[in-house]
Amino acid sequence: MNANVCRWIMDAIIMLGLIVAGISGAYFGLEPVSPLFILGIVVSLGGLIFGLLTIRCPFCKHLLDLRGFQMVYCPYCGQKLE
């Protein structure tokens, strides 16, 4: 899969987890930690792990920058990313 598409998927998963955690924290409060809050944090961490595993150069397999948007060329090997 394209590294730029994986970056968008990672961002969406992280945002979904943060939204779930934020709504849970606002609705139930944080004094007794809600299971929905923990689920939101776990989903966000899952998105980060997904990004670490998939956002790589298809040629040299180096980890690409997780921040930002479209990358056209790999900063390590110079190959054009699709």
N, C-alpha and C. Protein backbone atom coordinates (compact mmCIF):
# COMPACT_ATOMS: atom_id res chain seq x y z
N MET A 1 0.84 -1.17 0.00
CA MET A 1 0.00 0.00 0.00
C MET A 1 0.90 1.24 0.00
N ASN A 2 0.42 2.29 -0.61
CA ASN A 2 1.14 3.54 -0.72
C ASN A 2 1.38 4.14 0.68
N ALA A 3 2.58 4.65 0.91
CA ALA A 3 2.93 5.23 2.22
C ALA A 3 2.06 6.44 2.54
N ASN A 4 1.70 7.23 1.53
CA ASN A 4 0.86 8.40 1.79
C ASN A 4 -0.55 7.99 2.19
N VAL A 5 -1.07 6.93 1.60
CA VAL A 5 -2.39 6.42 1.99
C VAL A 5 -2.33 5.87 3.42
N CYS A 6 -1.27 5.16 3.74
CA CYS A 6 -1.10 4.65 5.10
C CYS A 6 -1.02 5.78 6.12
N ARG A 7 -0.42 6.89 5.74
CA ARG A 7 -0.33 8.04 6.64
C ARG A 7 -1.72 8.60 6.93
N TRP A 8 -2.57 8.68 5.89
CA TRP A 8 -3.94 9.16 6.09
C TRP A 8 -4.74 8.20 6.97
N ILE A 9 -4.56 6.90 6.76
CA ILE A 9 -5.26 5.91 7.58
C ILE A 9 -4.80 6.01 9.03
N MET A 10 -3.49 6.15 9.24
CA MET A 10 -2.96 6.28 10.59
C MET A 10 -3.54 7.52 11.28
N ASP A 11 -3.57 8.64 10.57
CA ASP A 11 -4.12 9.87 11.15
C ASP A 11 -5.59 9.70 11.51
N ALA A 12 -6.35 9.02 10.65
CA ALA A 12 -7.77 8.82 10.92
C ALA A 12 -7.98 7.94 12.15
N ILE A 13 -7.19 6.88 12.29
CA ILE A 13 -7.32 5.99 13.44
C ILE A 13 -6.96 6.73 14.73
N ILE A 14 -5.90 7.50 14.69
CA ILE A 14 -5.49 8.26 15.89
C ILE A 14 -6.55 9.28 16.26
N MET A 15 -7.08 10.00 15.27
CA MET A 15 -8.12 11.00 15.56
C MET A 15 -9.38 10.35 16.11
N LEU A 16 -9.77 9.20 15.56
CA LEU A 16 -10.94 8.50 16.07
C LEU A 16 -10.75 8.11 17.54
N GLY A 17 -9.58 7.59 17.86
CA GLY A 17 -9.30 7.22 19.25
C GLY A 17 -9.32 8.42 20.19
N LEU A 18 -8.75 9.53 19.74
CA LEU A 18 -8.74 10.73 20.58
C LEU A 18 -10.14 11.31 20.75
N ILE A 19 -10.95 11.23 19.71
CA ILE A 19 -12.33 11.71 19.81
C ILE A 19 -13.11 10.85 20.80
N VAL A 20 -12.97 9.54 20.71
CA VAL A 20 -13.66 8.64 21.64
C VAL A 20 -13.20 8.91 23.08
N ALA A 21 -11.89 9.05 23.28
CA ALA A 21 -11.37 9.33 24.62
C ALA A 21 -11.85 10.69 25.13
N GLY A 22 -11.86 11.68 24.26
CA GLY A 22 -12.29 13.02 24.66
C GLY A 22 -13.76 13.07 25.02
N ILE A 23 -14.60 12.44 24.21
CA ILE A 23 -16.03 12.42 24.51
C ILE A 23 -16.29 11.64 25.80
N SER A 24 -15.59 10.54 25.97
CA SER A 24 -15.75 9.75 27.19
C SER A 24 -15.32 10.55 28.42
N GLY A 25 -14.20 11.25 28.31
CA GLY A 25 -13.72 12.05 29.43
C GLY A 25 -14.66 13.20 29.75
N ALA A 26 -15.24 13.81 28.71
CA ALA A 26 -16.15 14.93 28.94
C ALA A 26 -17.49 14.45 29.51
N TYR A 27 -17.94 13.30 29.07
CA TYR A 27 -19.25 12.81 29.50
C TYR A 27 -19.20 12.12 30.86
N PHE A 28 -18.25 11.22 31.04
CA PHE A 28 -18.18 10.44 32.28
C PHE A 28 -17.23 11.03 33.32
N GLY A 29 -16.35 11.93 32.92
CA GLY A 29 -15.37 12.47 33.85
C GLY A 29 -14.15 11.56 33.93
N LEU A 30 -13.13 12.01 34.63
CA LEU A 30 -11.89 11.24 34.70
C LEU A 30 -11.60 10.67 36.08
N GLU A 31 -12.45 10.94 37.04
CA GLU A 31 -12.16 10.46 38.39
C GLU A 31 -12.18 8.94 38.44
N PRO A 32 -13.28 8.25 38.16
CA PRO A 32 -13.12 6.82 37.88
C PRO A 32 -12.91 6.70 36.37
N VAL A 33 -11.80 6.19 35.96
CA VAL A 33 -11.46 6.14 34.54
C VAL A 33 -12.44 5.21 33.82
N SER A 34 -13.09 5.74 32.81
CA SER A 34 -14.09 4.99 32.05
C SER A 34 -13.42 3.99 31.12
N PRO A 35 -14.02 2.82 30.92
CA PRO A 35 -13.47 1.86 29.96
C PRO A 35 -13.46 2.42 28.53
N LEU A 36 -14.41 3.30 28.23
CA LEU A 36 -14.45 3.92 26.91
C LEU A 36 -13.26 4.85 26.70
N PHE A 37 -12.82 5.52 27.77
CA PHE A 37 -11.64 6.37 27.70
C PHE A 37 -10.39 5.53 27.41
N ILE A 38 -10.28 4.41 28.10
CA ILE A 38 -9.14 3.52 27.88
C ILE A 38 -9.17 2.95 26.46
N LEU A 39 -10.36 2.61 25.98
CA LEU A 39 -10.50 2.11 24.61
C LEU A 39 -10.04 3.15 23.60
N GLY A 40 -10.39 4.40 23.81
CA GLY A 40 -9.95 5.47 22.91
C GLY A 40 -8.44 5.62 22.88
N ILE A 41 -7.81 5.52 24.04
CA ILE A 41 -6.35 5.62 24.10
C ILE A 41 -5.71 4.42 23.40
N VAL A 42 -6.27 3.22 23.60
CA VAL A 42 -5.73 2.02 22.96
C VAL A 42 -5.87 2.11 21.44
N VAL A 43 -7.01 2.63 20.96
CA VAL A 43 -7.20 2.80 19.51
C VAL A 43 -6.16 3.78 18.96
N SER A 44 -5.91 4.87 19.68
CA SER A 44 -4.91 5.84 19.23
C SER A 44 -3.52 5.23 19.18
N LEU A 45 -3.17 4.46 20.18
CA LEU A 45 -1.87 3.78 20.17
C LEU A 45 -1.79 2.75 19.05
N GLY A 46 -2.91 2.09 18.76
CA GLY A 46 -2.96 1.16 17.64
C GLY A 46 -2.72 1.86 16.31
N GLY A 47 -3.26 3.07 16.17
CA GLY A 47 -3.00 3.86 14.96
C GLY A 47 -1.54 4.22 14.82
N LEU A 48 -0.90 4.55 15.93
CA LEU A 48 0.53 4.87 15.90
C LEU A 48 1.35 3.64 15.52
N ILE A 49 1.01 2.50 16.07
CA ILE A 49 1.73 1.26 15.73
C ILE A 49 1.51 0.90 14.27
N PHE A 50 0.28 1.10 13.77
CA PHE A 50 0.00 0.87 12.35
C PHE A 50 0.91 1.73 11.49
N GLY A 51 1.07 3.01 11.87
CA GLY A 51 1.93 3.90 11.12
C GLY A 51 3.39 3.48 11.15
N LEU A 52 3.86 3.05 12.30
CA LEU A 52 5.25 2.61 12.41
C LEU A 52 5.54 1.38 11.56
N LEU A 53 4.53 0.55 11.38
CA LEU A 53 4.73 -0.67 10.61
C LEU A 53 4.53 -0.48 9.10
N THR A 54 3.74 0.50 8.69
CA THR A 54 3.37 0.59 7.28
C THR A 54 3.93 1.80 6.53
N ILE A 55 4.32 2.85 7.22
CA ILE A 55 4.78 4.05 6.52
C ILE A 55 6.28 3.92 6.30
N ARG A 56 6.61 3.18 5.26
CA ARG A 56 8.00 2.88 4.92
C ARG A 56 8.20 3.06 3.42
N CYS A 57 9.43 3.31 3.06
CA CYS A 57 9.78 3.39 1.65
C CYS A 57 9.66 1.99 1.05
N PRO A 58 8.98 1.84 -0.08
CA PRO A 58 8.86 0.51 -0.67
C PRO A 58 10.17 0.00 -1.29
N PHE A 59 11.15 0.87 -1.45
CA PHE A 59 12.42 0.48 -2.08
C PHE A 59 13.50 0.15 -1.04
N CYS A 60 13.75 1.07 -0.10
CA CYS A 60 14.83 0.85 0.87
C CYS A 60 14.31 0.43 2.25
N LYS A 61 13.00 0.45 2.45
CA LYS A 61 12.34 0.01 3.69
C LYS A 61 12.64 0.87 4.91
N HIS A 62 13.17 2.08 4.72
CA HIS A 62 13.36 3.00 5.84
C HIS A 62 12.02 3.56 6.29
N LEU A 63 11.92 3.84 7.59
CA LEU A 63 10.73 4.46 8.13
C LEU A 63 10.67 5.90 7.64
N LEU A 64 9.54 6.28 7.05
CA LEU A 64 9.37 7.65 6.58
C LEU A 64 8.80 8.49 7.71
N ASP A 65 8.84 9.80 7.55
CA ASP A 65 8.35 10.72 8.56
C ASP A 65 6.85 10.52 8.76
N LEU A 66 6.42 10.34 10.00
CA LEU A 66 5.01 10.13 10.28
C LEU A 66 4.22 11.43 10.24
N ARG A 67 4.90 12.55 10.34
CA ARG A 67 4.23 13.85 10.30
C ARG A 67 4.13 14.32 8.86
N GLY A 68 3.28 15.29 8.64
CA GLY A 68 3.19 15.89 7.32
C GLY A 68 2.16 15.23 6.45
N PHE A 69 2.21 15.58 5.17
CA PHE A 69 1.20 15.09 4.26
C PHE A 69 1.87 14.27 3.16
N GLN A 70 1.83 14.72 1.95
CA GLN A 70 2.34 13.96 0.82
C GLN A 70 3.87 14.03 0.76
N MET A 71 4.47 12.87 0.59
CA MET A 71 5.91 12.80 0.32
C MET A 71 6.06 12.31 -1.11
N VAL A 72 6.88 12.99 -1.88
CA VAL A 72 7.06 12.61 -3.28
C VAL A 72 8.28 11.71 -3.44
N TYR A 73 9.35 12.01 -2.71
CA TYR A 73 10.59 11.25 -2.83
C TYR A 73 11.02 10.76 -1.45
N CYS A 74 11.65 9.59 -1.42
CA CYS A 74 12.20 9.07 -0.18
C CYS A 74 13.42 9.89 0.20
N PRO A 75 13.51 10.39 1.44
CA PRO A 75 14.68 11.18 1.83
C PRO A 75 15.95 10.35 1.99
N TYR A 76 15.83 9.03 2.02
CA TYR A 76 17.00 8.17 2.22
C TYR A 76 17.59 7.67 0.91
N CYS A 77 16.73 7.17 0.01
CA CYS A 77 17.28 6.61 -1.23
C CYS A 77 16.96 7.47 -2.46
N GLY A 78 16.07 8.44 -2.34
CA GLY A 78 15.76 9.34 -3.44
C GLY A 78 14.78 8.80 -4.46
N GLN A 79 14.26 7.60 -4.26
CA GLN A 79 13.30 7.02 -5.20
C GLN A 79 11.96 7.75 -5.08
N LYS A 80 11.24 7.81 -6.19
CA LYS A 80 9.95 8.46 -6.20
C LYS A 80 8.91 7.53 -5.57
N LEU A 81 8.16 8.07 -4.60
CA LEU A 81 7.11 7.31 -3.94
C LEU A 81 5.84 7.45 -4.76
N GLU A 82 5.10 6.38 -4.89
CA GLU A 82 3.89 6.41 -5.71
C GLU A 82 2.73 6.99 -4.97
